[in-house]
N, C-alpha and C. Protein backbone atom coordinates (compact mmCIF):
# COMPACT_ATOMS: atom_id res chain seq x y z
N MET A 1 164.89 143.97 193.23
CA MET A 1 166.06 144.85 193.39
C MET A 1 166.68 145.28 192.10
N LYS A 2 166.69 144.41 191.08
CA LYS A 2 167.20 144.80 189.81
C LYS A 2 166.42 145.93 189.18
N ARG A 3 165.11 145.81 189.22
CA ARG A 3 164.17 146.84 188.68
C ARG A 3 164.42 148.14 189.39
N LEU A 4 164.64 148.05 190.72
CA LEU A 4 164.81 149.34 191.57
C LEU A 4 166.12 149.96 191.09
N SER A 5 167.16 149.16 190.86
CA SER A 5 168.46 149.80 190.45
C SER A 5 168.36 150.47 189.11
N VAL A 6 167.68 149.83 188.22
CA VAL A 6 167.47 150.51 186.90
C VAL A 6 166.66 151.74 187.03
N PHE A 7 165.64 151.75 187.82
CA PHE A 7 164.80 152.90 188.01
C PHE A 7 165.68 154.10 188.62
N VAL A 8 166.46 153.80 189.54
CA VAL A 8 167.28 154.83 190.18
C VAL A 8 168.32 155.45 189.18
N VAL A 9 168.98 154.57 188.41
CA VAL A 9 169.87 155.05 187.36
C VAL A 9 169.12 155.99 186.36
N VAL A 10 167.98 155.52 185.83
CA VAL A 10 167.31 156.29 184.87
C VAL A 10 166.74 157.65 185.42
N PHE A 11 166.35 157.63 186.76
CA PHE A 11 165.87 158.78 187.44
C PHE A 11 167.00 159.82 187.50
N PHE A 12 168.16 159.39 187.90
CA PHE A 12 169.29 160.38 188.03
C PHE A 12 169.74 160.90 186.71
N LEU A 13 169.70 159.97 185.74
CA LEU A 13 170.07 160.55 184.30
C LEU A 13 169.11 161.59 183.93
N VAL A 14 167.77 161.44 184.10
CA VAL A 14 166.77 162.41 183.71
C VAL A 14 166.99 163.69 184.41
N VAL A 15 167.22 163.53 185.75
CA VAL A 15 167.45 164.74 186.50
C VAL A 15 168.63 165.56 186.03
N GLY A 16 169.79 164.77 185.80
CA GLY A 16 171.02 165.44 185.32
C GLY A 16 170.79 166.11 184.06
N PHE A 17 170.16 165.48 183.01
CA PHE A 17 170.04 166.16 181.78
C PHE A 17 169.05 167.40 181.84
N SER A 18 168.09 167.30 182.79
CA SER A 18 167.22 168.47 182.91
C SER A 18 167.82 169.62 183.54
N THR A 19 168.96 169.48 184.20
CA THR A 19 169.51 170.57 184.96
C THR A 19 170.85 171.07 184.34
N ILE A 20 171.23 170.62 183.16
CA ILE A 20 172.47 170.93 182.50
C ILE A 20 172.47 172.43 182.32
N SER A 21 171.40 173.05 181.87
CA SER A 21 171.41 174.52 181.58
C SER A 21 171.66 175.28 182.85
N ARG A 22 171.30 174.78 183.96
CA ARG A 22 171.53 175.56 185.29
C ARG A 22 173.00 175.33 185.70
N ALA A 23 173.52 174.12 185.49
CA ALA A 23 174.85 173.83 186.02
C ALA A 23 175.95 174.37 185.10
N GLU A 24 175.79 174.39 183.81
CA GLU A 24 176.77 174.75 182.91
C GLU A 24 177.19 176.20 183.09
N GLY A 25 178.51 176.41 183.15
CA GLY A 25 178.98 177.85 183.24
C GLY A 25 179.05 178.28 184.63
N SER A 26 178.53 177.74 185.61
CA SER A 26 178.57 178.27 186.97
C SER A 26 178.93 177.28 188.04
N LEU A 27 179.69 176.29 187.65
CA LEU A 27 180.07 175.25 188.50
C LEU A 27 181.11 175.83 189.53
N PRO A 28 181.06 175.27 190.81
CA PRO A 28 182.03 175.76 191.82
C PRO A 28 183.54 175.42 191.48
N LEU A 29 184.36 176.37 191.44
CA LEU A 29 185.74 176.23 191.02
C LEU A 29 186.65 176.43 192.24
N GLN A 30 187.62 177.23 191.94
CA GLN A 30 188.64 177.59 192.99
C GLN A 30 188.05 178.19 194.28
N GLY A 31 188.43 177.60 195.44
CA GLY A 31 187.94 178.06 196.69
C GLY A 31 186.70 177.36 197.18
N SER A 32 186.10 176.55 196.36
CA SER A 32 184.92 175.89 196.76
C SER A 32 185.11 174.72 197.71
N VAL A 33 184.10 174.47 198.57
CA VAL A 33 184.24 173.34 199.55
C VAL A 33 182.94 172.48 199.28
N GLY A 34 183.19 171.13 199.15
CA GLY A 34 182.15 170.18 199.04
C GLY A 34 182.08 169.22 200.15
N ILE A 35 180.86 168.97 200.68
CA ILE A 35 180.71 167.97 201.71
C ILE A 35 179.85 166.88 201.13
N GLY A 36 180.24 165.58 201.43
CA GLY A 36 179.56 164.50 200.71
C GLY A 36 179.43 163.27 201.59
N VAL A 37 178.57 162.30 201.14
CA VAL A 37 178.44 161.06 201.74
C VAL A 37 178.56 159.99 200.65
N ARG A 38 179.38 159.00 200.76
CA ARG A 38 179.62 157.99 199.77
C ARG A 38 179.54 156.57 200.21
N PRO A 39 178.52 155.83 200.03
CA PRO A 39 178.56 154.36 200.19
C PRO A 39 179.46 153.71 199.22
N TYR A 40 180.07 152.58 199.51
CA TYR A 40 180.95 151.94 198.59
C TYR A 40 181.06 150.45 198.85
N GLY A 41 181.46 149.70 197.85
CA GLY A 41 181.77 148.32 198.02
C GLY A 41 183.32 148.15 197.99
N ILE A 42 183.71 147.13 198.76
CA ILE A 42 185.14 146.93 198.86
C ILE A 42 185.41 145.47 198.32
N PHE A 43 186.35 145.30 197.58
CA PHE A 43 186.69 144.08 196.82
C PHE A 43 188.15 143.71 197.18
N PRO A 44 188.40 143.11 198.32
CA PRO A 44 189.77 142.81 198.75
C PRO A 44 190.35 141.60 198.02
N LYS A 45 191.69 141.67 197.95
CA LYS A 45 192.44 140.58 197.30
C LYS A 45 192.84 139.55 198.31
N SER A 46 192.73 138.30 197.97
CA SER A 46 193.02 137.19 198.89
C SER A 46 194.53 137.12 199.15
N ASP A 47 194.85 136.51 200.22
CA ASP A 47 196.27 136.41 200.70
C ASP A 47 196.56 135.15 201.41
N LYS A 48 197.79 135.01 201.96
CA LYS A 48 198.17 133.81 202.75
C LYS A 48 198.71 134.26 204.11
N ILE A 49 198.60 133.38 205.13
CA ILE A 49 199.25 133.65 206.40
C ILE A 49 199.89 132.35 206.86
N ARG A 50 201.22 132.36 206.98
CA ARG A 50 202.07 131.26 207.32
C ARG A 50 201.76 130.05 206.40
N GLY A 51 201.53 130.28 205.11
CA GLY A 51 201.29 129.30 204.17
C GLY A 51 199.88 128.83 204.07
N GLU A 52 199.02 129.35 204.92
CA GLU A 52 197.59 128.99 204.85
C GLU A 52 196.77 130.07 203.95
N LYS A 53 196.03 129.54 203.04
CA LYS A 53 195.37 130.40 202.10
C LYS A 53 194.16 131.08 202.74
N LEU A 54 194.02 132.38 202.63
CA LEU A 54 192.91 133.14 203.18
C LEU A 54 192.05 133.66 202.01
N ASP A 55 190.78 133.52 202.09
CA ASP A 55 189.84 133.96 201.12
C ASP A 55 189.03 135.12 201.69
N PHE A 56 189.38 136.40 201.19
CA PHE A 56 188.70 137.55 201.64
C PHE A 56 187.43 137.78 200.91
N LYS A 57 186.36 137.96 201.69
CA LYS A 57 184.96 138.19 201.08
C LYS A 57 184.78 139.64 200.83
N ASP A 58 184.01 139.92 199.79
CA ASP A 58 183.65 141.38 199.50
C ASP A 58 182.86 142.03 200.62
N GLY A 59 182.90 143.27 200.79
CA GLY A 59 182.18 143.91 201.81
C GLY A 59 181.57 145.19 201.39
N VAL A 60 180.96 145.89 202.27
CA VAL A 60 180.32 147.20 201.99
C VAL A 60 180.73 148.14 203.02
N GLY A 61 180.60 149.45 202.80
CA GLY A 61 180.93 150.44 203.76
C GLY A 61 180.40 151.82 203.30
N ALA A 62 180.83 152.83 204.07
CA ALA A 62 180.33 154.14 203.70
C ALA A 62 181.29 155.18 204.32
N GLU A 63 181.36 156.36 203.82
CA GLU A 63 182.27 157.42 204.39
C GLU A 63 181.67 158.87 204.26
N ILE A 64 182.12 159.64 205.07
CA ILE A 64 181.84 161.09 204.91
C ILE A 64 183.09 161.81 204.46
N ASN A 65 182.96 162.67 203.48
CA ASN A 65 184.14 163.31 202.92
C ASN A 65 183.94 164.86 202.75
N VAL A 66 185.03 165.50 202.78
CA VAL A 66 185.08 166.99 202.61
C VAL A 66 186.11 167.30 201.53
N THR A 67 185.71 168.05 200.51
CA THR A 67 186.64 168.38 199.39
C THR A 67 186.84 169.86 199.33
N TYR A 68 188.15 170.25 199.29
CA TYR A 68 188.48 171.69 199.16
C TYR A 68 189.17 171.88 197.85
N ARG A 69 188.56 172.65 196.94
CA ARG A 69 189.20 172.95 195.64
C ARG A 69 190.07 174.17 195.74
N PHE A 70 191.34 174.00 196.16
CA PHE A 70 192.22 175.14 196.41
C PHE A 70 192.77 175.79 195.20
N LEU A 71 192.72 175.13 194.05
CA LEU A 71 193.09 175.59 192.72
C LEU A 71 192.03 175.16 191.66
N LYS A 72 192.05 175.73 190.52
CA LYS A 72 191.04 175.47 189.60
C LYS A 72 191.07 173.94 189.21
N TYR A 73 192.27 173.43 189.09
CA TYR A 73 192.37 172.03 188.65
C TYR A 73 192.86 171.12 189.77
N LEU A 74 192.95 171.59 191.00
CA LEU A 74 193.43 170.73 192.03
C LEU A 74 192.49 170.81 193.28
N ALA A 75 192.29 169.71 193.87
CA ALA A 75 191.39 169.59 195.09
C ALA A 75 191.98 168.69 196.10
N LEU A 76 191.67 168.93 197.40
CA LEU A 76 192.13 168.02 198.39
C LEU A 76 190.93 167.47 199.16
N GLU A 77 190.81 166.13 199.21
CA GLU A 77 189.62 165.52 199.92
C GLU A 77 190.08 164.71 201.16
N GLY A 78 189.44 165.01 202.19
CA GLY A 78 189.63 164.19 203.40
C GLY A 78 188.39 163.41 203.73
N ALA A 79 188.57 162.18 204.13
CA ALA A 79 187.46 161.31 204.37
C ALA A 79 187.59 160.39 205.48
N ILE A 80 186.53 159.99 206.13
CA ILE A 80 186.52 159.09 207.24
C ILE A 80 185.33 158.03 207.01
N GLY A 81 185.66 156.77 207.14
CA GLY A 81 184.60 155.75 206.82
C GLY A 81 184.59 154.58 207.73
N TYR A 82 183.81 153.56 207.32
CA TYR A 82 183.75 152.29 208.04
C TYR A 82 183.44 151.20 207.05
N THR A 83 184.08 150.04 207.24
CA THR A 83 183.79 148.89 206.47
C THR A 83 184.20 147.66 207.19
N GLU A 84 183.73 146.53 206.82
CA GLU A 84 184.08 145.19 207.43
C GLU A 84 183.98 144.15 206.34
N PHE A 85 184.77 143.14 206.62
CA PHE A 85 184.72 141.98 205.64
C PHE A 85 185.09 140.68 206.29
N ASP A 86 184.62 139.60 205.91
CA ASP A 86 184.90 138.30 206.50
C ASP A 86 186.03 137.62 205.76
N ILE A 87 186.77 136.77 206.43
CA ILE A 87 187.79 136.02 205.84
C ILE A 87 187.64 134.49 206.16
N LYS A 88 187.78 133.61 205.18
CA LYS A 88 187.74 132.21 205.23
C LYS A 88 189.12 131.65 205.16
N ASN A 89 189.45 130.76 206.02
CA ASN A 89 190.70 130.02 205.90
C ASN A 89 190.54 128.81 205.08
N LYS A 90 190.92 128.81 203.81
CA LYS A 90 190.64 127.74 202.85
C LYS A 90 191.45 126.48 203.16
N THR A 91 192.60 126.68 203.74
CA THR A 91 193.49 125.59 204.09
C THR A 91 192.84 124.76 205.24
N LEU A 92 192.36 125.42 206.30
CA LEU A 92 191.71 124.68 207.34
C LEU A 92 190.25 124.50 207.13
N ALA A 93 189.69 125.07 206.07
CA ALA A 93 188.27 124.89 205.67
C ALA A 93 187.31 125.42 206.76
N VAL A 94 187.63 126.51 207.35
CA VAL A 94 186.79 127.24 208.36
C VAL A 94 186.71 128.65 208.15
N ASP A 95 185.57 129.24 208.61
CA ASP A 95 185.48 130.71 208.70
C ASP A 95 186.50 131.23 209.70
N TRP A 96 187.45 132.10 209.25
CA TRP A 96 188.55 132.44 210.08
C TRP A 96 188.37 133.65 210.96
N ALA A 97 187.85 134.83 210.42
CA ALA A 97 187.85 136.03 211.11
C ALA A 97 187.04 137.09 210.36
N ARG A 98 186.61 138.16 211.09
CA ARG A 98 186.11 139.34 210.52
C ARG A 98 186.97 140.48 210.90
N ILE A 99 187.32 141.35 209.89
CA ILE A 99 188.12 142.54 210.04
C ILE A 99 187.26 143.70 209.92
N ASN A 100 187.31 144.63 210.93
CA ASN A 100 186.67 145.88 210.94
C ASN A 100 187.65 146.98 210.61
N VAL A 101 187.26 147.84 209.71
CA VAL A 101 188.20 148.84 209.23
C VAL A 101 187.54 150.29 209.35
N LEU A 102 188.30 151.16 210.14
CA LEU A 102 187.95 152.59 210.17
C LEU A 102 189.03 153.33 209.37
N PRO A 103 188.80 153.64 208.12
CA PRO A 103 189.81 154.30 207.23
C PRO A 103 189.72 155.77 207.28
N ILE A 104 190.82 156.38 207.54
CA ILE A 104 190.94 157.87 207.41
C ILE A 104 191.91 158.17 206.32
N SER A 105 191.55 159.07 205.31
CA SER A 105 192.32 159.18 204.14
C SER A 105 192.35 160.63 203.71
N VAL A 106 193.42 161.03 203.05
CA VAL A 106 193.61 162.35 202.37
C VAL A 106 194.01 162.13 200.95
N THR A 107 193.34 162.76 200.05
CA THR A 107 193.49 162.40 198.64
C THR A 107 193.66 163.71 197.80
N LEU A 108 194.58 163.79 196.93
CA LEU A 108 194.78 164.87 196.00
C LEU A 108 194.16 164.59 194.70
N GLN A 109 193.25 165.42 194.27
CA GLN A 109 192.41 165.21 193.10
C GLN A 109 192.92 166.09 191.97
N PHE A 110 193.21 165.59 190.80
CA PHE A 110 193.54 166.44 189.66
C PHE A 110 192.18 166.55 188.77
N ARG A 111 191.60 167.61 188.97
CA ARG A 111 190.21 167.86 188.35
C ARG A 111 190.37 168.60 187.02
N TRP A 112 189.36 168.32 186.17
CA TRP A 112 189.44 168.88 184.76
C TRP A 112 188.04 169.48 184.58
N ILE A 113 188.04 170.68 183.93
CA ILE A 113 186.75 171.20 183.53
C ILE A 113 186.94 171.99 182.19
N SER A 114 186.02 171.83 181.30
CA SER A 114 186.21 172.37 179.94
C SER A 114 185.96 173.88 179.88
N LYS A 115 186.78 174.55 179.09
CA LYS A 115 186.51 176.04 178.88
C LYS A 115 185.60 176.20 177.66
N LYS A 116 185.21 175.28 177.00
CA LYS A 116 184.40 175.34 175.81
C LYS A 116 182.92 175.08 176.10
N PRO A 117 182.01 175.99 175.84
CA PRO A 117 180.64 175.84 176.16
C PRO A 117 179.98 174.59 175.52
N GLU A 118 180.47 174.16 174.40
CA GLU A 118 179.83 173.04 173.69
C GLU A 118 180.21 171.69 174.36
N GLU A 119 181.18 171.69 175.22
CA GLU A 119 181.61 170.45 175.88
C GLU A 119 180.80 170.18 177.16
N LEU A 120 180.92 169.07 177.77
CA LEU A 120 180.02 168.65 178.84
C LEU A 120 180.64 169.33 180.12
N LYS A 121 180.36 170.61 180.47
CA LYS A 121 180.95 171.16 181.61
C LYS A 121 180.23 170.80 182.91
N TRP A 122 179.08 170.09 182.81
CA TRP A 122 178.43 169.68 183.96
C TRP A 122 178.92 168.34 184.52
N ILE A 123 179.84 167.77 183.79
CA ILE A 123 180.58 166.54 184.25
C ILE A 123 182.05 166.92 184.57
N VAL A 124 182.46 166.75 185.76
CA VAL A 124 183.83 167.07 186.15
C VAL A 124 184.62 165.78 186.57
N PRO A 125 185.48 165.24 185.64
CA PRO A 125 186.24 163.99 185.99
C PRO A 125 187.47 164.40 186.76
N TYR A 126 188.05 163.38 187.43
CA TYR A 126 189.32 163.74 188.11
C TYR A 126 190.05 162.42 188.25
N ALA A 127 191.42 162.55 188.39
CA ALA A 127 192.29 161.47 188.80
C ALA A 127 192.79 161.75 190.20
N SER A 128 193.13 160.65 190.99
CA SER A 128 193.40 160.90 192.41
C SER A 128 194.51 160.02 192.85
N ILE A 129 195.20 160.50 193.91
CA ILE A 129 196.30 159.73 194.56
C ILE A 129 196.30 160.26 195.94
N GLY A 130 196.57 159.30 196.89
CA GLY A 130 196.58 159.66 198.36
C GLY A 130 197.06 158.61 199.28
N GLY A 131 196.80 158.86 200.49
CA GLY A 131 197.19 157.88 201.56
C GLY A 131 196.25 158.06 202.71
N GLY A 132 196.45 157.17 203.75
CA GLY A 132 195.66 157.18 204.89
C GLY A 132 196.13 156.27 206.00
N TYR A 133 195.25 156.05 206.79
CA TYR A 133 195.55 155.23 208.10
C TYR A 133 194.36 154.28 208.31
N TYR A 134 194.49 153.03 208.50
CA TYR A 134 193.54 152.12 208.90
C TYR A 134 193.55 151.80 210.44
N PHE A 135 192.40 152.07 211.10
CA PHE A 135 192.22 151.63 212.41
C PHE A 135 191.50 150.28 212.34
N LEU A 136 192.19 149.19 212.78
CA LEU A 136 191.76 147.84 212.51
C LEU A 136 191.35 147.12 213.79
N GLU A 137 190.30 146.28 213.71
CA GLU A 137 190.06 145.31 214.70
C GLU A 137 189.72 143.94 214.02
N ILE A 138 190.00 142.86 214.79
CA ILE A 138 189.78 141.60 214.16
C ILE A 138 189.02 140.71 215.22
N ASP A 139 188.05 139.99 214.79
CA ASP A 139 187.28 139.07 215.64
C ASP A 139 187.31 137.70 215.08
N GLU A 140 187.91 136.86 215.77
CA GLU A 140 187.97 135.36 215.27
C GLU A 140 186.61 134.79 215.23
N LYS A 141 186.38 134.08 214.28
CA LYS A 141 185.14 133.33 214.08
C LYS A 141 184.91 132.15 214.99
N SER A 142 183.58 131.89 215.39
CA SER A 142 183.39 130.71 216.28
C SER A 142 183.87 129.39 215.67
N GLU A 143 183.82 129.36 214.32
CA GLU A 143 184.22 128.15 213.63
C GLU A 143 185.69 127.91 213.83
N LEU A 144 186.46 128.94 213.82
CA LEU A 144 187.96 128.81 214.07
C LEU A 144 188.18 128.39 215.47
N GLN A 145 187.49 129.02 216.44
CA GLN A 145 187.59 128.70 217.83
C GLN A 145 187.32 127.25 218.11
N ASN A 146 186.23 126.76 217.51
CA ASN A 146 185.77 125.31 217.70
C ASN A 146 186.80 124.41 217.14
N TYR A 147 187.39 124.77 216.02
CA TYR A 147 188.42 124.01 215.34
C TYR A 147 189.59 123.71 216.29
N TRP A 148 190.02 124.72 216.94
CA TRP A 148 191.15 124.59 217.79
C TRP A 148 190.79 124.15 219.22
N LEU A 149 189.60 124.41 219.74
CA LEU A 149 189.14 123.84 220.97
C LEU A 149 189.03 122.28 220.91
N SER A 150 188.63 121.81 219.77
CA SER A 150 188.53 120.33 219.55
C SER A 150 189.89 119.66 219.67
N ARG A 151 190.92 120.46 219.52
CA ARG A 151 192.30 120.01 219.55
C ARG A 151 193.00 120.39 220.94
N GLY A 152 192.13 120.95 221.83
CA GLY A 152 192.69 121.34 223.17
C GLY A 152 193.42 122.68 223.17
N VAL A 153 193.07 123.52 222.15
CA VAL A 153 193.89 124.85 222.05
C VAL A 153 192.89 125.94 221.96
N ALA A 154 193.06 126.94 222.82
CA ALA A 154 192.29 128.33 222.72
C ALA A 154 193.05 129.24 221.84
N ILE A 155 192.32 129.95 221.00
CA ILE A 155 192.85 130.80 219.99
C ILE A 155 192.42 132.26 220.17
N ASN A 156 193.39 133.15 219.95
CA ASN A 156 193.09 134.61 220.06
C ASN A 156 193.90 135.32 218.97
N LEU A 157 193.16 136.11 218.21
CA LEU A 157 193.82 136.88 216.98
C LEU A 157 193.96 138.35 217.45
N GLU A 158 195.08 139.03 217.09
CA GLU A 158 195.30 140.44 217.24
C GLU A 158 195.78 141.02 215.95
N ILE A 159 195.44 142.30 215.68
CA ILE A 159 195.86 142.92 214.44
C ILE A 159 196.29 144.37 214.75
N ASP A 160 197.30 144.83 214.12
CA ASP A 160 197.82 146.15 214.27
C ASP A 160 197.34 147.13 213.26
N ASP A 161 197.13 148.41 213.64
CA ASP A 161 196.69 149.43 212.69
C ASP A 161 197.80 149.53 211.61
N SER A 162 197.34 150.18 210.53
CA SER A 162 198.18 150.26 209.35
C SER A 162 198.02 151.46 208.47
N PHE A 163 199.09 151.93 207.86
CA PHE A 163 199.08 152.96 206.85
C PHE A 163 198.65 152.36 205.46
N SER A 164 198.16 153.25 204.57
CA SER A 164 197.64 152.83 203.34
C SER A 164 198.00 153.89 202.25
N LEU A 165 198.15 153.42 201.00
CA LEU A 165 198.22 154.27 199.84
C LEU A 165 197.17 153.88 198.84
N HIS A 166 196.66 154.86 198.05
CA HIS A 166 195.71 154.54 197.06
C HIS A 166 195.83 155.46 195.86
N ALA A 167 195.24 155.00 194.75
CA ALA A 167 195.16 155.74 193.53
C ALA A 167 193.91 155.40 192.68
N GLY A 168 193.36 156.32 192.05
CA GLY A 168 192.12 156.05 191.38
C GLY A 168 191.62 157.29 190.51
N GLY A 169 190.33 157.33 190.55
CA GLY A 169 189.66 158.49 189.81
C GLY A 169 188.18 158.46 190.01
N GLY A 170 187.52 159.42 189.35
CA GLY A 170 186.06 159.49 189.49
C GLY A 170 185.53 160.69 188.74
N PHE A 171 184.30 161.04 188.96
CA PHE A 171 183.73 162.20 188.43
C PHE A 171 182.44 162.69 189.17
N ASP A 172 182.18 164.02 189.05
CA ASP A 172 181.06 164.54 189.63
C ASP A 172 180.13 164.93 188.44
N ILE A 173 178.84 164.64 188.65
CA ILE A 173 177.75 164.98 187.70
C ILE A 173 176.94 166.01 188.48
N PHE A 174 176.93 167.26 188.03
CA PHE A 174 176.25 168.29 188.76
C PHE A 174 174.73 168.34 188.38
N LEU A 175 173.91 168.16 189.33
CA LEU A 175 172.42 168.17 189.08
C LEU A 175 172.01 169.67 189.21
N THR A 176 172.64 170.48 190.05
CA THR A 176 172.34 171.93 190.12
C THR A 176 173.74 172.52 190.20
N ASP A 177 173.73 173.84 190.41
CA ASP A 177 175.03 174.56 190.62
C ASP A 177 175.88 174.05 191.74
N HIS A 178 175.19 173.50 192.74
CA HIS A 178 175.90 173.09 193.99
C HIS A 178 175.69 171.72 194.43
N ILE A 179 174.81 170.96 193.81
CA ILE A 179 174.55 169.60 194.14
C ILE A 179 175.10 168.61 193.07
N ALA A 180 175.89 167.62 193.46
CA ALA A 180 176.39 166.68 192.48
C ALA A 180 176.34 165.29 192.94
N LEU A 181 176.14 164.44 191.92
CA LEU A 181 176.34 163.02 192.13
C LEU A 181 177.80 162.69 192.03
N ASN A 182 178.35 161.85 192.85
CA ASN A 182 179.75 161.57 192.80
C ASN A 182 179.99 160.11 192.67
N PHE A 183 180.89 159.70 191.72
CA PHE A 183 181.24 158.36 191.46
C PHE A 183 182.74 158.29 191.64
N ASP A 184 183.21 157.31 192.40
CA ASP A 184 184.65 157.26 192.78
C ASP A 184 185.05 155.74 192.86
N ALA A 185 186.30 155.55 192.34
CA ALA A 185 186.85 154.21 192.37
C ALA A 185 188.39 154.43 192.66
N LYS A 186 188.88 153.48 193.43
CA LYS A 186 190.32 153.51 193.79
C LYS A 186 190.79 152.14 194.16
N TYR A 187 192.05 152.01 194.09
CA TYR A 187 192.74 150.75 194.52
C TYR A 187 193.62 151.08 195.67
N SER A 188 193.52 150.42 196.78
CA SER A 188 194.30 150.78 197.94
C SER A 188 195.28 149.61 198.32
N TRP A 189 196.47 150.09 198.79
CA TRP A 189 197.45 149.06 199.20
C TRP A 189 197.76 149.24 200.69
N ALA A 190 197.77 148.22 201.41
CA ALA A 190 198.04 148.27 202.87
C ALA A 190 198.53 146.89 203.39
N GLN A 191 199.21 146.90 204.50
CA GLN A 191 199.69 145.67 205.13
C GLN A 191 199.39 145.71 206.60
N ALA A 192 199.13 144.69 207.23
CA ALA A 192 198.86 144.65 208.65
C ALA A 192 199.48 143.47 209.35
N ASP A 193 200.11 143.70 210.48
CA ASP A 193 200.70 142.65 211.31
C ASP A 193 199.58 141.93 212.15
N ILE A 194 199.63 140.60 212.02
CA ILE A 194 198.64 139.84 212.84
C ILE A 194 199.36 138.81 213.72
N ASP A 195 198.99 138.76 215.01
CA ASP A 195 199.46 137.75 215.92
C ASP A 195 198.36 136.77 216.22
N GLU A 196 198.73 135.52 216.14
CA GLU A 196 197.82 134.44 216.47
C GLU A 196 198.36 133.73 217.79
N GLU A 197 197.56 133.97 218.86
CA GLU A 197 197.97 133.33 220.09
C GLU A 197 197.25 132.09 220.36
N ARG A 198 198.09 131.03 220.61
CA ARG A 198 197.52 129.71 220.88
C ARG A 198 197.86 129.30 222.30
N ILE A 199 196.82 128.94 223.05
CA ILE A 199 197.01 128.70 224.48
C ILE A 199 196.67 127.28 224.74
N THR A 200 197.64 126.50 225.22
CA THR A 200 197.43 125.13 225.49
C THR A 200 197.74 124.82 227.00
N GLY A 201 196.75 124.53 227.79
CA GLY A 201 197.02 124.45 229.18
C GLY A 201 197.42 125.85 229.77
N GLY A 202 198.52 125.81 230.35
CA GLY A 202 199.10 127.10 230.84
C GLY A 202 200.14 127.66 229.97
N THR A 203 200.35 127.05 228.78
CA THR A 203 201.41 127.60 227.85
C THR A 203 200.76 128.45 226.74
N SER A 204 201.39 129.61 226.50
CA SER A 204 200.88 130.49 225.46
C SER A 204 201.97 130.62 224.38
N GLN A 205 201.60 130.50 223.14
CA GLN A 205 202.51 130.65 221.98
C GLN A 205 201.94 131.65 220.98
N LYS A 206 202.69 132.73 220.64
CA LYS A 206 202.38 133.67 219.73
C LYS A 206 203.02 133.47 218.33
N LEU A 207 202.20 133.45 217.28
CA LEU A 207 202.72 133.20 215.94
C LEU A 207 202.41 134.52 215.20
N GLY A 208 203.40 135.24 214.72
CA GLY A 208 203.17 136.49 213.94
C GLY A 208 203.35 136.36 212.54
N ASP A 209 202.66 137.17 211.74
CA ASP A 209 202.80 137.23 210.28
C ASP A 209 202.21 138.56 209.82
N THR A 210 202.42 138.84 208.51
CA THR A 210 201.82 140.05 207.84
C THR A 210 200.95 139.64 206.70
N ILE A 211 199.81 140.23 206.67
CA ILE A 211 198.87 140.04 205.50
C ILE A 211 198.60 141.32 204.76
N ASN A 212 198.30 141.18 203.51
CA ASN A 212 197.97 142.23 202.68
C ASN A 212 196.52 142.62 202.78
N LEU A 213 196.18 143.87 202.89
CA LEU A 213 194.77 144.29 202.80
C LEU A 213 194.51 145.12 201.55
N ASN A 214 195.15 144.70 200.43
CA ASN A 214 194.91 145.34 199.19
C ASN A 214 193.53 145.17 198.70
N GLY A 215 192.98 146.11 197.98
CA GLY A 215 191.58 145.95 197.51
C GLY A 215 191.18 147.11 196.73
N ALA A 216 190.05 146.99 196.05
CA ALA A 216 189.44 148.00 195.21
C ALA A 216 188.16 148.56 195.99
N PHE A 217 188.01 149.87 195.96
CA PHE A 217 186.92 150.59 196.56
C PHE A 217 186.09 151.21 195.35
N ILE A 218 184.83 150.88 195.31
CA ILE A 218 184.06 151.56 194.32
C ILE A 218 182.76 152.07 194.99
N GLY A 219 182.54 153.40 194.78
CA GLY A 219 181.44 154.04 195.53
C GLY A 219 180.70 155.10 194.71
N ALA A 220 179.51 155.51 195.21
CA ALA A 220 178.70 156.54 194.57
C ALA A 220 177.96 157.20 195.71
N GLY A 221 177.82 158.55 195.55
CA GLY A 221 177.14 159.30 196.63
C GLY A 221 176.83 160.75 196.15
N PHE A 222 176.50 161.58 197.04
CA PHE A 222 176.10 162.98 196.82
C PHE A 222 177.11 163.91 197.39
N LYS A 223 177.30 165.03 196.80
CA LYS A 223 178.13 166.13 197.33
C LYS A 223 177.46 167.47 197.19
N PHE A 224 177.50 168.25 198.23
CA PHE A 224 177.06 169.68 198.24
C PHE A 224 178.21 170.60 198.32
N PHE A 225 178.29 171.46 197.23
CA PHE A 225 179.42 172.49 197.13
C PHE A 225 178.88 173.83 197.55
N PHE A 226 179.68 174.53 198.26
CA PHE A 226 179.35 175.98 198.49
C PHE A 226 180.63 176.84 198.57
């Protein structure tokens, strides 16, 4: 796997350098639209719920995005994706739950491109800021269920959808006039309300709390501009 990763990086660098002459001076600017696919890794920050420490595991995901460059230095990107990650309750020492996330986001990109031919016009960096909405689902782990069943309690977790904010940056490396490699990184802030229902006999008790879903997203993919 390590050798394959090195080969892929070297391959794209060679292709990128070999196409500089084609891309330079004719990059899509104002009015251009880019359609892309971007796999990414998510690195969430751990949190607590009612004093119990939760350890969020890293996850992977992917998204489809559309970028509209409405001004020379400004672009708007809309994206929809999917990711999931596991959570361990370190206080109870059990696997706690898996959270599935369907994020929809809108991002304003502040893009830069050089006017000087001697500079790297085939690389277009940008800073970004935006927000979105998380459609969330949570599935309690069997280890958590067994923990409570051994104490005569049935457990059920529920989670509410949530708004999010994010900031970051990235860059496009144009392989041709219209095809680019895209690298993107951002940090997202979000909170979600969680209800933990505990059922003992015929008695039901709901315990509510809020957890943070803050985390970093780092991805790379392709974009086609026209």
